[in-house]
Amino acid sequence: MKLVILTQVWENYAWREDGTLGVGDEAYWKAKGGDEYVVRGIKNEEEATMAVMALRDEIETANDGYMESVIGWDLIGEAELTEFEKSQLEYDGSIMFPAKELVWA
């Protein structure tokens, strides 16, 4: 099976008049979509959970201006497309932005 990991991205929009970025209590986080990551060769739900936990540090990031966090995951068939890949085919006729592949050993 194929593990699909979904993320949410946030950007800090707290720019001050002097061009610096407001942080801490001054931060203004705005949701900006997210990404899909895939891991092939997952056998079951237990293995999927272990893979998500092991890959979290590789996927998630946080600094004063940008954050990306895992918000969910799903198991699909090895040959199945992700939801975003399906929508690209439906609306654009091709997949311009495939899910990012990760390897979990």
PDB file of N, CA and C in Angstrom:
ATOM      1  N   MET A   1       0.840  -1.186   0.000  1.00  0.00           N
ATOM      2  CA  MET A   1       0.000   0.000   0.000  1.00  0.00           C
ATOM      3  C   MET A   1       0.884   1.248   0.000  1.00  0.00           C
ATOM      4  N   LYS A   2       0.249   2.362  -0.227  1.00  0.00           N
ATOM      5  CA  LYS A   2       0.953   3.639  -0.275  1.00  0.00           C
ATOM      6  C   LYS A   2       0.387   4.534   0.834  1.00  0.00           C
ATOM      7  N   LEU A   3       1.288   5.073   1.633  1.00  0.00           N
ATOM      8  CA  LEU A   3       0.925   5.997   2.703  1.00  0.00           C
ATOM      9  C   LEU A   3       0.928   7.409   2.148  1.00  0.00           C
ATOM     10  N   VAL A   4      -0.155   8.148   2.355  1.00  0.00           N
ATOM     11  CA  VAL A   4      -0.249   9.548   1.951  1.00  0.00           C
ATOM     12  C   VAL A   4      -0.297  10.393   3.228  1.00  0.00           C
ATOM     13  N   ILE A   5       0.688  11.257   3.393  1.00  0.00           N
ATOM     14  CA  ILE A   5       0.768  12.134   4.566  1.00  0.00           C
ATOM     15  C   ILE A   5       0.380  13.544   4.114  1.00  0.00           C
ATOM     16  N   LEU A   6      -0.573  14.147   4.811  1.00  0.00           N
ATOM     17  CA  LEU A   6      -1.071  15.483   4.481  1.00  0.00           C
ATOM     18  C   LEU A   6      -0.536  16.501   5.477  1.00  0.00           C
ATOM     19  N   THR A   7      -0.177  17.680   4.966  1.00  0.00           N
ATOM     20  CA  THR A   7       0.338  18.729   5.848  1.00  0.00           C
ATOM     21  C   THR A   7      -0.465  20.018   5.678  1.00  0.00           C
ATOM     22  N   GLN A   8      -0.312  20.908   6.646  1.00  0.00           N
ATOM     23  CA  GLN A   8      -0.843  22.272   6.580  1.00  0.00           C
ATOM     24  C   GLN A   8       0.334  23.216   6.677  1.00  0.00           C
ATOM     25  N   VAL A   9       0.348  24.238   5.829  1.00  0.00           N
ATOM     26  CA  VAL A   9       1.391  25.256   5.838  1.00  0.00           C
ATOM     27  C   VAL A   9       0.803  26.556   6.361  1.00  0.00           C
ATOM     28  N   TRP A  10       1.572  27.264   7.183  1.00  0.00           N
ATOM     29  CA  TRP A  10       1.197  28.589   7.675  1.00  0.00           C
ATOM     30  C   TRP A  10       2.348  29.544   7.387  1.00  0.00           C
ATOM     31  N   GLU A  11       2.000  30.785   7.028  1.00  0.00           N
ATOM     32  CA  GLU A  11       3.003  31.836   6.855  1.00  0.00           C
ATOM     33  C   GLU A  11       2.674  32.979   7.815  1.00  0.00           C
ATOM     34  N   ASN A  12       3.712  33.587   8.348  1.00  0.00           N
ATOM     35  CA  ASN A  12       3.561  34.712   9.265  1.00  0.00           C
ATOM     36  C   ASN A  12       3.452  35.997   8.437  1.00  0.00           C
ATOM     37  N   TYR A  13       2.341  36.695   8.572  1.00  0.00           N
ATOM     38  CA  TYR A  13       2.086  37.925   7.818  1.00  0.00           C
ATOM     39  C   TYR A  13       2.247  39.173   8.683  1.00  0.00           C
ATOM     40  N   ALA A  14       2.948  39.087   9.783  1.00  0.00           N
ATOM     41  CA  ALA A  14       3.060  40.203  10.717  1.00  0.00           C
ATOM     42  C   ALA A  14       4.220  41.132  10.369  1.00  0.00           C
ATOM     43  N   TRP A  15       4.231  41.654   9.149  1.00  0.00           N
ATOM     44  CA  TRP A  15       5.299  42.566   8.742  1.00  0.00           C
ATOM     45  C   TRP A  15       5.063  43.941   9.353  1.00  0.00           C
ATOM     46  N   ARG A  16       6.092  44.481   9.967  1.00  0.00           N
ATOM     47  CA  ARG A  16       6.025  45.816  10.554  1.00  0.00           C
ATOM     48  C   ARG A  16       6.345  46.865   9.490  1.00  0.00           C
ATOM     49  N   GLU A  17       6.054  48.118   9.803  1.00  0.00           N
ATOM     50  CA  GLU A  17       6.329  49.216   8.862  1.00  0.00           C
ATOM     51  C   GLU A  17       7.810  49.336   8.524  1.00  0.00           C
ATOM     52  N   ASP A  18       8.673  48.945   9.459  1.00  0.00           N
ATOM     53  CA  ASP A  18      10.113  49.048   9.199  1.00  0.00           C
ATOM     54  C   ASP A  18      10.663  47.857   8.397  1.00  0.00           C
ATOM     55  N   GLY A  19       9.771  46.949   7.987  1.00  0.00           N
ATOM     56  CA  GLY A  19      10.189  45.822   7.158  1.00  0.00           C
ATOM     57  C   GLY A  19      10.623  44.583   7.917  1.00  0.00           C
ATOM     58  N   THR A  20      10.576  44.622   9.252  1.00  0.00           N
ATOM     59  CA  THR A  20      10.917  43.440  10.039  1.00  0.00           C
ATOM     60  C   THR A  20       9.660  42.619  10.300  1.00  0.00           C
ATOM     61  N   LEU A  21       9.863  41.391  10.680  1.00  0.00           N
ATOM     62  CA  LEU A  21       8.758  40.462  10.894  1.00  0.00           C
ATOM     63  C   LEU A  21       8.407  40.384  12.372  1.00  0.00           C
ATOM     64  N   GLY A  22       7.139  40.581  12.693  1.00  0.00           N
ATOM     65  CA  GLY A  22       6.670  40.436  14.066  1.00  0.00           C
ATOM     66  C   GLY A  22       6.635  38.967  14.457  1.00  0.00           C
ATOM     67  N   VAL A  23       7.146  38.659  15.631  1.00  0.00           N
ATOM     68  CA  VAL A  23       7.196  37.278  16.108  1.00  0.00           C
ATOM     69  C   VAL A  23       6.529  37.187  17.474  1.00  0.00           C
ATOM     70  N   GLY A  24       6.418  35.956  17.979  1.00  0.00           N
ATOM     71  CA  GLY A  24       5.804  35.751  19.288  1.00  0.00           C
ATOM     72  C   GLY A  24       4.363  36.210  19.292  1.00  0.00           C
ATOM     73  N   ASP A  25       3.996  37.067  20.244  1.00  0.00           N
ATOM     74  CA  ASP A  25       2.628  37.572  20.338  1.00  0.00           C
ATOM     75  C   ASP A  25       2.246  38.452  19.156  1.00  0.00           C
ATOM     76  N   GLU A  26       3.219  38.995  18.432  1.00  0.00           N
ATOM     77  CA  GLU A  26       2.949  39.849  17.270  1.00  0.00           C
ATOM     78  C   GLU A  26       2.706  39.051  15.992  1.00  0.00           C
ATOM     79  N   ALA A  27       3.014  37.768  15.987  1.00  0.00           N
ATOM     80  CA  ALA A  27       2.878  36.955  14.780  1.00  0.00           C
ATOM     81  C   ALA A  27       1.418  36.883  14.341  1.00  0.00           C
ATOM     82  N   TYR A  28       1.231  36.873  13.041  1.00  0.00           N
ATOM     83  CA  TYR A  28      -0.101  36.710  12.450  1.00  0.00           C
ATOM     84  C   TYR A  28      -0.010  35.577  11.440  1.00  0.00           C
ATOM     85  N   TRP A  29      -0.394  34.368  11.863  1.00  0.00           N
ATOM     86  CA  TRP A  29      -0.244  33.172  11.041  1.00  0.00           C
ATOM     87  C   TRP A  29      -1.453  33.002  10.133  1.00  0.00           C
ATOM     88  N   LYS A  30      -1.174  32.767   8.865  1.00  0.00           N
ATOM     89  CA  LYS A  30      -2.214  32.584   7.863  1.00  0.00           C
ATOM     90  C   LYS A  30      -2.019  31.231   7.183  1.00  0.00           C
ATOM     91  N   ALA A  31      -3.079  30.419   7.154  1.00  0.00           N
ATOM     92  CA  ALA A  31      -3.016  29.101   6.511  1.00  0.00           C
ATOM     93  C   ALA A  31      -2.843  29.275   5.003  1.00  0.00           C
ATOM     94  N   LYS A  32      -1.949  28.496   4.422  1.00  0.00           N
ATOM     95  CA  LYS A  32      -1.606  28.630   3.007  1.00  0.00           C
ATOM     96  C   LYS A  32      -1.628  27.288   2.267  1.00  0.00           C
ATOM     97  N   GLY A  33      -2.557  26.426   2.560  1.00  0.00           N
ATOM     98  CA  GLY A  33      -2.586  25.134   1.876  1.00  0.00           C
ATOM     99  C   GLY A  33      -1.667  24.139   2.551  1.00  0.00           C
ATOM    100  N   GLY A  34      -1.145  23.209   1.802  1.00  0.00           N
ATOM    101  CA  GLY A  34      -0.265  22.200   2.365  1.00  0.00           C
ATOM    102  C   GLY A  34       0.304  21.327   1.265  1.00  0.00           C
ATOM    103  N   ASP A  35       0.895  20.223   1.665  1.00  0.00           N
ATOM    104  CA  ASP A  35       1.520  19.299   0.723  1.00  0.00           C
ATOM    105  C   ASP A  35       1.049  17.879   0.974  1.00  0.00           C
ATOM    106  N   GLU A  36       1.290  17.030  -0.018  1.00  0.00           N
ATOM    107  CA  GLU A  36       1.080  15.593   0.106  1.00  0.00           C
ATOM    108  C   GLU A  36       2.427  14.909  -0.048  1.00  0.00           C
ATOM    109  N   TYR A  37       2.706  13.991   0.845  1.00  0.00           N
ATOM    110  CA  TYR A  37       3.910  13.174   0.790  1.00  0.00           C
ATOM    111  C   TYR A  37       3.462  11.724   0.694  1.00  0.00           C
ATOM    112  N   VAL A  38       4.174  10.917  -0.088  1.00  0.00           N
ATOM    113  CA  VAL A  38       3.832   9.502  -0.186  1.00  0.00           C
ATOM    114  C   VAL A  38       5.018   8.633   0.204  1.00  0.00           C
ATOM    115  N   VAL A  39       4.683   7.512   0.820  1.00  0.00           N
ATOM    116  CA  VAL A  39       5.669   6.496   1.190  1.00  0.00           C
ATOM    117  C   VAL A  39       5.130   5.175   0.653  1.00  0.00           C
ATOM    118  N   ARG A  40       5.898   4.529  -0.192  1.00  0.00           N
ATOM    119  CA  ARG A  40       5.456   3.269  -0.818  1.00  0.00           C
ATOM    120  C   ARG A  40       5.837   2.060   0.041  1.00  0.00           C
ATOM    121  N   GLY A  41       5.107   0.974  -0.182  1.00  0.00           N
ATOM    122  CA  GLY A  41       5.455  -0.294   0.436  1.00  0.00           C
ATOM    123  C   GLY A  41       5.031  -0.449   1.888  1.00  0.00           C
ATOM    124  N   ILE A  42       4.032   0.282   2.319  1.00  0.00           N
ATOM    125  CA  ILE A  42       3.533   0.171   3.698  1.00  0.00           C
ATOM    126  C   ILE A  42       2.558  -1.004   3.766  1.00  0.00           C
ATOM    127  N   LYS A  43       2.704  -1.842   4.767  1.00  0.00           N
ATOM    128  CA  LYS A  43       1.922  -3.081   4.837  1.00  0.00           C
ATOM    129  C   LYS A  43       0.580  -2.949   5.546  1.00  0.00           C
ATOM    130  N   ASN A  44       0.520  -2.107   6.601  1.00  0.00           N
ATOM    131  CA  ASN A  44      -0.708  -2.030   7.393  1.00  0.00           C
ATOM    132  C   ASN A  44      -0.769  -0.714   8.180  1.00  0.00           C
ATOM    133  N   GLU A  45      -1.856  -0.515   8.904  1.00  0.00           N
ATOM    134  CA  GLU A  45      -2.071   0.720   9.682  1.00  0.00           C
ATOM    135  C   GLU A  45      -0.976   0.936  10.733  1.00  0.00           C
ATOM    136  N   GLU A  46      -0.570  -0.137  11.402  1.00  0.00           N
ATOM    137  CA  GLU A  46       0.465  -0.019  12.432  1.00  0.00           C
ATOM    138  C   GLU A  46       1.783   0.473  11.829  1.00  0.00           C
ATOM    139  N   GLU A  47       2.154  -0.096  10.709  1.00  0.00           N
ATOM    140  CA  GLU A  47       3.378   0.326  10.040  1.00  0.00           C
ATOM    141  C   GLU A  47       3.245   1.772   9.529  1.00  0.00           C
ATOM    142  N   ALA A  48       2.057   2.149   9.065  1.00  0.00           N
ATOM    143  CA  ALA A  48       1.818   3.522   8.607  1.00  0.00           C
ATOM    144  C   ALA A  48       2.016   4.513   9.749  1.00  0.00           C
ATOM    145  N   THR A  49       1.474   4.197  10.913  1.00  0.00           N
ATOM    146  CA  THR A  49       1.632   5.070  12.082  1.00  0.00           C
ATOM    147  C   THR A  49       3.102   5.213  12.450  1.00  0.00           C
ATOM    148  N   MET A  50       3.842   4.118  12.433  1.00  0.00           N
ATOM    149  CA  MET A  50       5.273   4.180  12.745  1.00  0.00           C
ATOM    150  C   MET A  50       6.019   5.031  11.723  1.00  0.00           C
ATOM    151  N   ALA A  51       5.653   4.903  10.444  1.00  0.00           N
ATOM    152  CA  ALA A  51       6.311   5.684   9.390  1.00  0.00           C
ATOM    153  C   ALA A  51       6.036   7.177   9.570  1.00  0.00           C
ATOM    154  N   VAL A  52       4.792   7.532   9.870  1.00  0.00           N
ATOM    155  CA  VAL A  52       4.450   8.944  10.071  1.00  0.00           C
ATOM    156  C   VAL A  52       5.264   9.519  11.228  1.00  0.00           C
ATOM    157  N   MET A  53       5.335   8.805  12.321  1.00  0.00           N
ATOM    158  CA  MET A  53       6.094   9.290  13.478  1.00  0.00           C
ATOM    159  C   MET A  53       7.586   9.414  13.154  1.00  0.00           C
ATOM    160  N   ALA A  54       8.115   8.458  12.410  1.00  0.00           N
ATOM    161  CA  ALA A  54       9.543   8.477  12.078  1.00  0.00           C
ATOM    162  C   ALA A  54       9.890   9.591  11.086  1.00  0.00           C
ATOM    163  N   LEU A  55       8.961   9.922  10.201  1.00  0.00           N
ATOM    164  CA  LEU A  55       9.229  10.914   9.157  1.00  0.00           C
ATOM    165  C   LEU A  55       8.838  12.337   9.552  1.00  0.00           C
ATOM    166  N   ARG A  56       8.203  12.488  10.692  1.00  0.00           N
ATOM    167  CA  ARG A  56       7.730  13.808  11.124  1.00  0.00           C
ATOM    168  C   ARG A  56       8.827  14.869  11.104  1.00  0.00           C
ATOM    169  N   ASP A  57      10.014  14.527  11.611  1.00  0.00           N
ATOM    170  CA  ASP A  57      11.115  15.499  11.651  1.00  0.00           C
ATOM    171  C   ASP A  57      11.569  15.902  10.247  1.00  0.00           C
ATOM    172  N   GLU A  58      11.428  14.999   9.289  1.00  0.00           N
ATOM    173  CA  GLU A  58      11.804  15.293   7.910  1.00  0.00           C
ATOM    174  C   GLU A  58      10.764  16.191   7.219  1.00  0.00           C
ATOM    175  N   ILE A  59       9.510  16.081   7.640  1.00  0.00           N
ATOM    176  CA  ILE A  59       8.413  16.808   7.007  1.00  0.00           C
ATOM    177  C   ILE A  59       8.147  18.148   7.683  1.00  0.00           C
ATOM    178  N   GLU A  60       8.036  18.127   8.989  1.00  0.00           N
ATOM    179  CA  GLU A  60       7.619  19.329   9.716  1.00  0.00           C
ATOM    180  C   GLU A  60       8.759  20.328   9.869  1.00  0.00           C
ATOM    181  N   THR A  61       8.396  21.604   9.845  1.00  0.00           N
ATOM    182  CA  THR A  61       9.360  22.670  10.033  1.00  0.00           C
ATOM    183  C   THR A  61       8.662  23.846  10.697  1.00  0.00           C
ATOM    184  N   ALA A  62       9.434  24.629  11.436  1.00  0.00           N
ATOM    185  CA  ALA A  62       8.866  25.813  12.086  1.00  0.00           C
ATOM    186  C   ALA A  62       9.969  26.834  12.304  1.00  0.00           C
ATOM    187  N   ASN A  63       9.712  28.055  11.864  1.00  0.00           N
ATOM    188  CA  ASN A  63      10.595  29.174  12.152  1.00  0.00           C
ATOM    189  C   ASN A  63       9.724  30.420  12.296  1.00  0.00           C
ATOM    190  N   ASP A  64      10.307  31.586  12.392  1.00  0.00           N
ATOM    191  CA  ASP A  64       9.530  32.805  12.629  1.00  0.00           C
ATOM    192  C   ASP A  64       8.592  33.164  11.485  1.00  0.00           C
ATOM    193  N   GLY A  65       8.871  32.694  10.277  1.00  0.00           N
ATOM    194  CA  GLY A  65       8.064  33.088   9.133  1.00  0.00           C
ATOM    195  C   GLY A  65       7.247  31.991   8.486  1.00  0.00           C
ATOM    196  N   TYR A  66       7.526  30.722   8.811  1.00  0.00           N
ATOM    197  CA  TYR A  66       6.914  29.600   8.088  1.00  0.00           C
ATOM    198  C   TYR A  66       6.774  28.391   9.000  1.00  0.00           C
ATOM    199  N   MET A  67       5.639  27.711   8.894  1.00  0.00           N
ATOM    200  CA  MET A  67       5.439  26.448   9.615  1.00  0.00           C
ATOM    201  C   MET A  67       4.753  25.449   8.685  1.00  0.00           C
ATOM    202  N   GLU A  68       5.152  24.186   8.793  1.00  0.00           N
ATOM    203  CA  GLU A  68       4.460  23.097   8.110  1.00  0.00           C
ATOM    204  C   GLU A  68       4.313  21.962   9.106  1.00  0.00           C
ATOM    205  N   SER A  69       3.080  21.449   9.246  1.00  0.00           N
ATOM    206  CA  SER A  69       2.788  20.399  10.228  1.00  0.00           C
ATOM    207  C   SER A  69       1.963  19.291   9.591  1.00  0.00           C
ATOM    208  N   VAL A  70       2.187  18.069  10.032  1.00  0.00           N
ATOM    209  CA  VAL A  70       1.372  16.933   9.610  1.00  0.00           C
ATOM    210  C   VAL A  70      -0.016  17.104  10.223  1.00  0.00           C
ATOM    211  N   ILE A  71      -1.062  16.995   9.381  1.00  0.00           N
ATOM    212  CA  ILE A  71      -2.434  17.101   9.887  1.00  0.00           C
ATOM    213  C   ILE A  71      -3.229  15.811   9.700  1.00  0.00           C
ATOM    214  N   GLY A  72      -2.676  14.853   8.957  1.00  0.00           N
ATOM    215  CA  GLY A  72      -3.381  13.589   8.779  1.00  0.00           C
ATOM    216  C   GLY A  72      -2.644  12.687   7.808  1.00  0.00           C
ATOM    217  N   TRP A  73      -3.154  11.471   7.710  1.00  0.00           N
ATOM    218  CA  TRP A  73      -2.574  10.513   6.778  1.00  0.00           C
ATOM    219  C   TRP A  73      -3.613   9.475   6.409  1.00  0.00           C
ATOM    220  N   ASP A  74      -3.347   8.759   5.300  1.00  0.00           N
ATOM    221  CA  ASP A  74      -4.268   7.749   4.811  1.00  0.00           C
ATOM    222  C   ASP A  74      -3.475   6.693   4.052  1.00  0.00           C
ATOM    223  N   LEU A  75      -4.010   5.497   3.989  1.00  0.00           N
ATOM    224  CA  LEU A  75      -3.430   4.424   3.178  1.00  0.00           C
ATOM    225  C   LEU A  75      -4.282   4.247   1.935  1.00  0.00           C
ATOM    226  N   ILE A  76      -3.622   4.188   0.775  1.00  0.00           N
ATOM    227  CA  ILE A  76      -4.315   3.951  -0.490  1.00  0.00           C
ATOM    228  C   ILE A  76      -3.583   2.842  -1.236  1.00  0.00           C
ATOM    229  N   GLY A  77      -4.172   2.378  -2.308  1.00  0.00           N
ATOM    230  CA  GLY A  77      -3.540   1.351  -3.126  1.00  0.00           C
ATOM    231  C   GLY A  77      -2.241   1.855  -3.742  1.00  0.00           C
ATOM    232  N   GLU A  78      -1.325   0.947  -3.958  1.00  0.00           N
ATOM    233  CA  GLU A  78       0.007   1.309  -4.481  1.00  0.00           C
ATOM    234  C   GLU A  78      -0.078   2.067  -5.807  1.00  0.00           C
ATOM    235  N   ALA A  79      -1.021   1.716  -6.657  1.00  0.00           N
ATOM    236  CA  ALA A  79      -1.148   2.364  -7.964  1.00  0.00           C
ATOM    237  C   ALA A  79      -2.135   3.538  -7.949  1.00  0.00           C
ATOM    238  N   GLU A  80      -2.796   3.751  -6.828  1.00  0.00           N
ATOM    239  CA  GLU A  80      -3.804   4.812  -6.728  1.00  0.00           C
ATOM    240  C   GLU A  80      -3.149   6.197  -6.645  1.00  0.00           C
ATOM    241  N   LEU A  81      -3.817   7.191  -7.201  1.00  0.00           N
ATOM    242  CA  LEU A  81      -3.349   8.570  -7.127  1.00  0.00           C
ATOM    243  C   LEU A  81      -3.850   9.231  -5.848  1.00  0.00           C
ATOM    244  N   THR A  82      -3.130  10.253  -5.396  1.00  0.00           N
ATOM    245  CA  THR A  82      -3.597  11.031  -4.244  1.00  0.00           C
ATOM    246  C   THR A  82      -4.761  11.912  -4.707  1.00  0.00           C
ATOM    247  N   GLU A  83      -5.477  12.493  -3.748  1.00  0.00           N
ATOM    248  CA  GLU A  83      -6.616  13.355  -4.093  1.00  0.00           C
ATOM    249  C   GLU A  83      -6.179  14.548  -4.947  1.00  0.00           C
ATOM    250  N   PHE A  84      -5.054  15.161  -4.603  1.00  0.00           N
ATOM    251  CA  PHE A  84      -4.590  16.315  -5.378  1.00  0.00           C
ATOM    252  C   PHE A  84      -4.159  15.903  -6.780  1.00  0.00           C
ATOM    253  N   GLU A  85      -3.520  14.738  -6.904  1.00  0.00           N
ATOM    254  CA  GLU A  85      -3.141  14.242  -8.224  1.00  0.00           C
ATOM    255  C   GLU A  85      -4.384  13.971  -9.073  1.00  0.00           C
ATOM    256  N   LYS A  86      -5.421  13.388  -8.466  1.00  0.00           N
ATOM    257  CA  LYS A  86      -6.681  13.133  -9.182  1.00  0.00           C
ATOM    258  C   LYS A  86      -7.306  14.441  -9.661  1.00  0.00           C
ATOM    259  N   SER A  87      -7.321  15.457  -8.795  1.00  0.00           N
ATOM    260  CA  SER A  87      -7.938  16.724  -9.175  1.00  0.00           C
ATOM    261  C   SER A  87      -7.147  17.407 -10.299  1.00  0.00           C
ATOM    262  N   GLN A  88      -5.833  17.267 -10.299  1.00  0.00           N
ATOM    263  CA  GLN A  88      -5.034  17.839 -11.380  1.00  0.00           C
ATOM    264  C   GLN A  88      -5.381  17.184 -12.720  1.00  0.00           C
ATOM    265  N   LEU A  89      -5.524  15.854 -12.704  1.00  0.00           N
ATOM    266  CA  LEU A  89      -5.895  15.154 -13.931  1.00  0.00           C
ATOM    267  C   LEU A  89      -7.272  15.587 -14.414  1.00  0.00           C
ATOM    268  N   GLU A  90      -8.209  15.707 -13.475  1.00  0.00           N
ATOM    269  CA  GLU A  90      -9.577  16.073 -13.822  1.00  0.00           C
ATOM    270  C   GLU A  90      -9.664  17.485 -14.404  1.00  0.00           C
ATOM    271  N   TYR A  91      -9.000  18.440 -13.761  1.00  0.00           N
ATOM    272  CA  TYR A  91      -9.148  19.844 -14.169  1.00  0.00           C
ATOM    273  C   TYR A  91      -8.102  20.315 -15.177  1.00  0.00           C
ATOM    274  N   ASP A  92      -6.900  19.749 -15.126  1.00  0.00           N
ATOM    275  CA  ASP A  92      -5.820  20.224 -15.991  1.00  0.00           C
ATOM    276  C   ASP A  92      -5.416  19.222 -17.075  1.00  0.00           C
ATOM    277  N   GLY A  93      -5.833  17.972 -16.918  1.00  0.00           N
ATOM    278  CA  GLY A  93      -5.492  16.955 -17.899  1.00  0.00           C
ATOM    279  C   GLY A  93      -4.136  16.303 -17.697  1.00  0.00           C
ATOM    280  N   SER A  94      -3.357  16.781 -16.711  1.00  0.00           N
ATOM    281  CA  SER A  94      -2.055  16.184 -16.409  1.00  0.00           C
ATOM    282  C   SER A  94      -1.691  16.497 -14.961  1.00  0.00           C
ATOM    283  N   ILE A  95      -0.719  15.764 -14.464  1.00  0.00           N
ATOM    284  CA  ILE A  95      -0.240  15.978 -13.088  1.00  0.00           C
ATOM    285  C   ILE A  95       1.037  16.797 -13.161  1.00  0.00           C
ATOM    286  N   MET A  96       0.924  18.069 -12.836  1.00  0.00           N
ATOM    287  CA  MET A  96       2.077  18.969 -12.853  1.00  0.00           C
ATOM    288  C   MET A  96       2.829  18.942 -11.527  1.00  0.00           C
ATOM    289  N   PHE A  97       2.115  18.624 -10.440  1.00  0.00           N
ATOM    290  CA  PHE A  97       2.691  18.653  -9.099  1.00  0.00           C
ATOM    291  C   PHE A  97       2.407  17.332  -8.387  1.00  0.00           C
ATOM    292  N   PRO A  98       3.196  16.293  -8.673  1.00  0.00           N
ATOM    293  CA  PRO A  98       2.967  15.001  -8.004  1.00  0.00           C
ATOM    294  C   PRO A  98       3.317  15.099  -6.517  1.00  0.00           C
ATOM    295  N   ALA A  99       2.743  14.187  -5.732  1.00  0.00           N
ATOM    296  CA  ALA A  99       3.078  14.120  -4.305  1.00  0.00           C
ATOM    297  C   ALA A  99       4.574  13.868  -4.160  1.00  0.00           C
ATOM    298  N   LYS A 100       5.130  14.420  -3.105  1.00  0.00           N
ATOM    299  CA  LYS A 100       6.563  14.257  -2.831  1.00  0.00           C
ATOM    300  C   LYS A 100       6.788  12.875  -2.218  1.00  0.00           C
ATOM    301  N   GLU A 101       7.730  12.121  -2.803  1.00  0.00           N
ATOM    302  CA  GLU A 101       8.005  10.769  -2.299  1.00  0.00           C
ATOM    303  C   GLU A 101       9.059  10.794  -1.206  1.00  0.00           C
ATOM    304  N   LEU A 102       8.780  10.066  -0.137  1.00  0.00           N
ATOM    305  CA  LEU A 102       9.716   9.884   0.965  1.00  0.00           C
ATOM    306  C   LEU A 102      10.030   8.404   1.098  1.00  0.00           C
ATOM    307  N   VAL A 103      11.183   8.101   1.666  1.00  0.00           N
ATOM    308  CA  VAL A 103      11.573   6.710   1.899  1.00  0.00           C
ATOM    309  C   VAL A 103      11.653   6.474   3.392  1.00  0.00           C
ATOM    310  N   TRP A 104      11.008   5.404   3.818  1.00  0.00           N
ATOM    311  CA  TRP A 104      11.064   4.987   5.219  1.00  0.00           C
ATOM    312  C   TRP A 104      11.609   3.570   5.245  1.00  0.00           C
ATOM    313  N   ALA A 105      12.667   3.390   5.958  1.00  0.00           N
ATOM    314  CA  ALA A 105      13.302   2.055   5.989  1.00  0.00           C
ATOM    315  C   ALA A 105      12.942   1.295   7.238  1.00  0.00           C
TER     316      ALA A 105
END
